[in-house]
Amino acid sequence: MGAVLLEELRQAGLGVRDLFEGRQEPLSWHFRGLAYDQSELDILESGAVEELHAPSALVELVVDEMALACANLGRQGVAQYLVVDGPEGEPAAPPDPGSFVFHPDAMLGWLSLDVAPPARWLEERDPDPDANEELASRLAEVAHELGEGADDVEVHIEGAVDAAAGGWSEMDVPGRVRPAGVSLYFSFGIPLDQASERELAQTFGRGASITSRALQRMREVFRRT
């Protein structure tokens, strides 16, 4: 699944670094990495710059391993682990695989995308309330425009309060809050009954497309605000 996701990101012109995978719960596996525009990532990895000041996306795939096992076994395989109680005195019998389906709300996993600007862009912004409002408004517009097809769309903005010129004793001076954490968040649920490689590629492809466009729109928002 990780390979399919990386291929879809590559097809969207994105490169991924800082790859990490492991377990976060007894039956949960996760894969994550930082996605950048591939051309910018090539510059960084060539050694031309020490730090890349470009938007990035934290890409995380979480998989329910119980659901993954069911998907791999299929209904025929799962049926071998089940029995149907017969009338009293009669032995239990295996169910007909055609008599049950996987619950439509059962999830194979979730794909989450968190697109954020580099820290320097936030550090360079003035703590101006009007500019903060404009930034929030433009990010909301981008989220609304790009979020079609995602199961969850959010705009995250965390504020930091700077001391007034005269120190913390003069915090009644307005306009000292600046955005310290900004991101566009999109997530996709992957139903167990849509777990074929083709369907996975389609979901990952939608996520990769949104990520690529969100990185570009993040640049545009910060240029305009």
Protein backbone atom coordinates (compact mmCIF):
# COMPACT_ATOMS: atom_id res chain seq x y z
CA MET A 1 0.00 0.00 0.00
CA GLY A 2 2.88 2.33 0.78
CA ALA A 3 4.37 1.66 -2.65
CA VAL A 4 1.06 2.46 -4.35
CA LEU A 5 0.82 5.73 -2.41
CA LEU A 6 4.38 6.76 -3.27
CA GLU A 7 3.77 6.03 -6.94
CA GLU A 8 0.64 8.20 -7.00
CA LEU A 9 2.54 11.04 -5.31
CA ARG A 10 5.31 10.69 -7.89
CA GLN A 11 2.77 10.82 -10.70
CA ALA A 12 1.54 14.12 -9.22
CA GLY A 13 5.07 15.58 -9.35
CA LEU A 14 5.82 15.15 -5.65
CA GLY A 15 8.86 13.69 -3.92
CA VAL A 16 8.82 12.27 -0.40
CA ARG A 17 11.56 12.26 2.24
CA ASP A 18 11.84 11.36 5.94
CA LEU A 19 9.89 8.15 5.36
CA PHE A 20 8.86 6.31 8.50
CA GLU A 21 6.71 3.31 9.23
CA GLY A 22 5.77 1.30 12.27
CA ARG A 23 2.97 0.32 14.62
CA GLN A 24 1.04 2.83 16.65
CA GLU A 25 -1.43 0.32 18.14
CA PRO A 26 -1.45 -3.49 18.38
CA LEU A 27 -3.49 -3.80 15.18
CA SER A 28 -2.58 -0.56 13.45
CA TRP A 29 0.27 0.13 11.00
CA HIS A 30 1.22 3.59 9.81
CA PHE A 31 3.39 5.06 7.09
CA ARG A 32 4.32 8.73 6.86
CA GLY A 33 6.65 11.08 5.06
CA LEU A 34 7.11 14.71 4.04
CA ALA A 35 6.10 15.50 0.46
CA TYR A 36 7.58 18.39 -1.52
CA ASP A 37 7.43 19.53 -5.09
CA GLN A 38 9.92 17.15 -6.72
CA SER A 39 11.88 19.93 -8.44
CA GLU A 40 12.44 21.67 -5.11
CA LEU A 41 13.36 18.44 -3.39
CA ASP A 42 15.94 17.76 -6.12
CA ILE A 43 17.57 21.11 -5.31
CA LEU A 44 17.77 20.22 -1.63
CA GLU A 45 19.16 16.75 -2.20
CA SER A 46 21.74 18.03 -4.67
CA GLY A 47 23.32 19.98 -1.83
CA ALA A 48 22.67 23.34 -3.48
CA VAL A 49 20.89 24.54 -0.35
CA GLU A 50 21.05 23.42 3.28
CA GLU A 51 17.40 24.05 4.11
CA LEU A 52 14.38 24.08 1.82
CA HIS A 53 12.05 27.01 2.44
CA ALA A 54 9.06 25.63 0.57
CA PRO A 55 5.61 24.33 1.51
CA SER A 56 5.47 20.65 2.47
CA ALA A 57 2.81 18.08 3.20
CA LEU A 58 2.86 15.54 6.01
CA VAL A 59 1.41 12.44 4.36
CA GLU A 60 0.20 9.69 6.70
CA LEU A 61 -1.41 6.38 5.86
CA VAL A 62 -2.89 4.38 8.76
CA VAL A 63 -4.04 0.81 8.13
CA ASP A 64 -6.25 -1.40 10.31
CA GLU A 65 -4.46 -4.73 10.09
CA MET A 66 -7.56 -6.71 11.04
CA ALA A 67 -9.39 -5.15 8.11
CA LEU A 68 -6.35 -5.74 5.90
CA ALA A 69 -6.39 -9.43 6.80
CA CYS A 70 -10.09 -9.63 5.91
CA ALA A 71 -9.43 -7.88 2.61
CA ASN A 72 -6.62 -10.32 1.79
CA LEU A 73 -8.68 -13.37 2.76
CA GLY A 74 -11.86 -12.27 1.04
CA ARG A 75 -15.28 -13.49 2.09
CA GLN A 76 -14.39 -17.10 1.18
CA GLY A 77 -11.39 -17.02 3.49
CA VAL A 78 -13.13 -15.19 6.32
CA ALA A 79 -15.98 -17.72 6.21
CA GLN A 80 -13.53 -20.46 7.21
CA TYR A 81 -13.15 -18.78 10.61
CA LEU A 82 -16.89 -18.48 11.27
CA VAL A 83 -19.72 -20.82 12.12
CA VAL A 84 -23.47 -20.45 12.20
CA ASP A 85 -25.20 -21.95 15.23
CA GLY A 86 -27.69 -24.59 14.17
CA PRO A 87 -30.88 -25.59 16.01
CA GLU A 88 -30.41 -27.03 19.48
CA GLY A 89 -28.70 -30.36 19.31
CA GLU A 90 -27.34 -29.86 15.79
CA PRO A 91 -23.68 -29.01 15.12
CA ALA A 92 -22.65 -25.56 14.03
CA ALA A 93 -22.09 -25.18 10.31
CA PRO A 94 -19.80 -22.89 8.32
CA PRO A 95 -21.66 -19.95 6.72
CA ASP A 96 -22.19 -19.59 3.00
CA PRO A 97 -19.64 -16.92 1.89
CA GLY A 98 -22.34 -15.47 -0.32
CA SER A 99 -24.62 -14.91 2.65
CA PHE A 100 -22.64 -12.04 4.22
CA VAL A 101 -20.76 -8.90 3.15
CA PHE A 102 -18.29 -6.64 4.90
CA HIS A 103 -19.94 -3.78 6.77
CA PRO A 104 -19.88 -0.63 4.60
CA ASP A 105 -18.65 1.45 7.56
CA ALA A 106 -15.67 -0.83 8.24
CA MET A 107 -12.49 0.99 7.25
CA LEU A 108 -9.33 -0.54 5.83
CA GLY A 109 -7.48 2.65 6.72
CA TRP A 110 -7.20 6.41 6.44
CA LEU A 111 -5.05 8.75 4.37
CA SER A 112 -4.29 12.14 5.97
CA LEU A 113 -2.60 15.12 4.32
CA ASP A 114 -1.40 18.15 6.27
CA VAL A 115 -0.09 20.91 3.96
CA ALA A 116 1.90 23.65 5.68
CA PRO A 117 4.21 26.57 4.81
CA PRO A 118 7.84 26.61 5.96
CA ALA A 119 8.48 28.10 9.40
CA ARG A 120 10.41 31.03 7.95
CA TRP A 121 7.34 32.32 6.09
CA LEU A 122 5.49 32.56 9.39
CA GLU A 123 8.42 34.09 11.25
CA GLU A 124 8.67 36.85 8.65
CA ARG A 125 5.01 37.86 8.93
CA ASP A 126 4.10 40.97 10.89
CA PRO A 127 1.63 40.44 13.78
CA ASP A 128 -1.09 42.42 12.04
CA PRO A 129 -4.73 41.50 12.87
CA ASP A 130 -6.05 42.45 9.42
CA ALA A 131 -3.35 40.38 7.71
CA ASN A 132 -4.14 37.44 9.97
CA GLU A 133 -7.83 37.65 9.06
CA GLU A 134 -6.99 37.83 5.36
CA LEU A 135 -4.70 34.80 5.68
CA ALA A 136 -7.43 32.79 7.42
CA SER A 137 -9.99 33.82 4.81
CA ARG A 138 -7.79 32.87 1.86
CA LEU A 139 -6.87 29.52 3.39
CA ALA A 140 -10.55 28.78 3.96
CA GLU A 141 -11.22 29.55 0.28
CA VAL A 142 -8.46 27.18 -0.79
CA ALA A 143 -9.73 24.41 1.50
CA HIS A 144 -13.24 24.80 0.12
CA GLU A 145 -11.99 24.78 -3.47
CA LEU A 146 -9.69 21.78 -3.15
CA GLY A 147 -11.55 19.71 -0.56
CA GLU A 148 -14.17 18.20 -2.85
CA GLY A 149 -13.81 14.44 -2.67
CA ALA A 150 -12.12 14.41 0.74
CA ASP A 151 -13.99 13.03 3.75
CA ASP A 152 -12.67 15.69 6.10
CA VAL A 153 -11.29 19.18 5.39
CA GLU A 154 -9.93 21.59 8.00
CA VAL A 155 -7.95 24.82 8.23
CA HIS A 156 -5.60 24.88 11.23
CA ILE A 157 -4.18 28.19 12.49
CA GLU A 158 -2.34 28.49 15.79
CA GLY A 159 -1.49 31.95 17.11
CA ALA A 160 1.55 33.07 19.07
CA VAL A 161 1.55 36.18 21.26
CA ASP A 162 4.65 38.39 21.11
CA ALA A 163 5.59 40.75 23.92
CA ALA A 164 4.78 44.43 23.40
CA ALA A 165 7.65 46.86 22.84
CA GLY A 166 7.66 47.71 26.55
CA GLY A 167 7.63 44.09 27.66
CA TRP A 168 4.96 41.69 28.87
CA SER A 169 3.59 44.33 31.28
CA GLU A 170 2.12 46.20 28.30
CA MET A 171 0.18 43.35 26.76
CA ASP A 172 -2.88 45.59 26.36
CA VAL A 173 -1.23 46.86 23.18
CA PRO A 174 -3.21 45.28 20.29
CA GLY A 175 -1.86 43.55 17.25
CA ARG A 176 0.73 41.25 18.83
CA VAL A 177 -0.71 37.91 17.76
CA ARG A 178 0.94 36.29 14.74
CA PRO A 179 0.23 32.92 13.10
CA ALA A 180 2.77 30.41 14.41
CA GLY A 181 1.26 27.26 12.93
CA VAL A 182 -0.76 27.07 9.71
CA SER A 183 -1.94 24.07 7.69
CA LEU A 184 -4.59 22.76 5.34
CA TYR A 185 -5.78 19.30 6.40
CA PHE A 186 -7.50 16.72 4.18
CA SER A 187 -8.35 13.12 4.99
CA PHE A 188 -9.78 10.15 3.10
CA GLY A 189 -11.36 7.03 4.56
CA ILE A 190 -10.65 3.76 2.73
CA PRO A 191 -13.65 1.41 3.12
CA LEU A 192 -12.89 -2.30 3.53
CA ASP A 193 -15.29 -3.14 0.72
CA GLN A 194 -13.29 -0.90 -1.66
CA ALA A 195 -9.89 -2.40 -1.01
CA SER A 196 -8.73 -3.51 -4.45
CA GLU A 197 -5.41 -2.12 -5.70
CA ARG A 198 -7.26 -0.21 -8.40
CA GLU A 199 -9.57 1.46 -5.89
CA LEU A 200 -6.65 2.22 -3.57
CA ALA A 201 -4.77 3.86 -6.44
CA GLN A 202 -7.81 6.01 -7.21
CA THR A 203 -8.08 7.19 -3.59
CA PHE A 204 -4.34 7.84 -3.32
CA GLY A 205 -4.43 9.59 -6.70
CA ARG A 206 -7.10 12.00 -5.48
CA GLY A 207 -5.05 12.67 -2.36
CA ALA A 208 -1.87 13.24 -4.37
CA SER A 209 -3.65 15.64 -6.71
CA ILE A 210 -5.05 17.65 -3.81
CA THR A 211 -1.61 17.74 -2.17
CA SER A 212 0.09 19.01 -5.31
CA ARG A 213 -2.47 21.74 -5.85
CA ALA A 214 -2.52 22.69 -2.16
CA LEU A 215 1.26 23.20 -2.14
CA GLN A 216 0.98 25.59 -5.07
CA ARG A 217 -1.99 27.42 -3.58
CA MET A 218 -0.15 27.77 -0.27
CA ARG A 219 2.59 29.66 -2.14
CA GLU A 220 0.02 31.91 -3.78
CA VAL A 221 -1.73 32.69 -0.49
CA PHE A 222 1.48 33.79 1.19
CA ARG A 223 2.54 35.88 -1.82
CA ARG A 224 -0.78 37.73 -1.73
CA THR A 225 -1.03 38.26 2.02
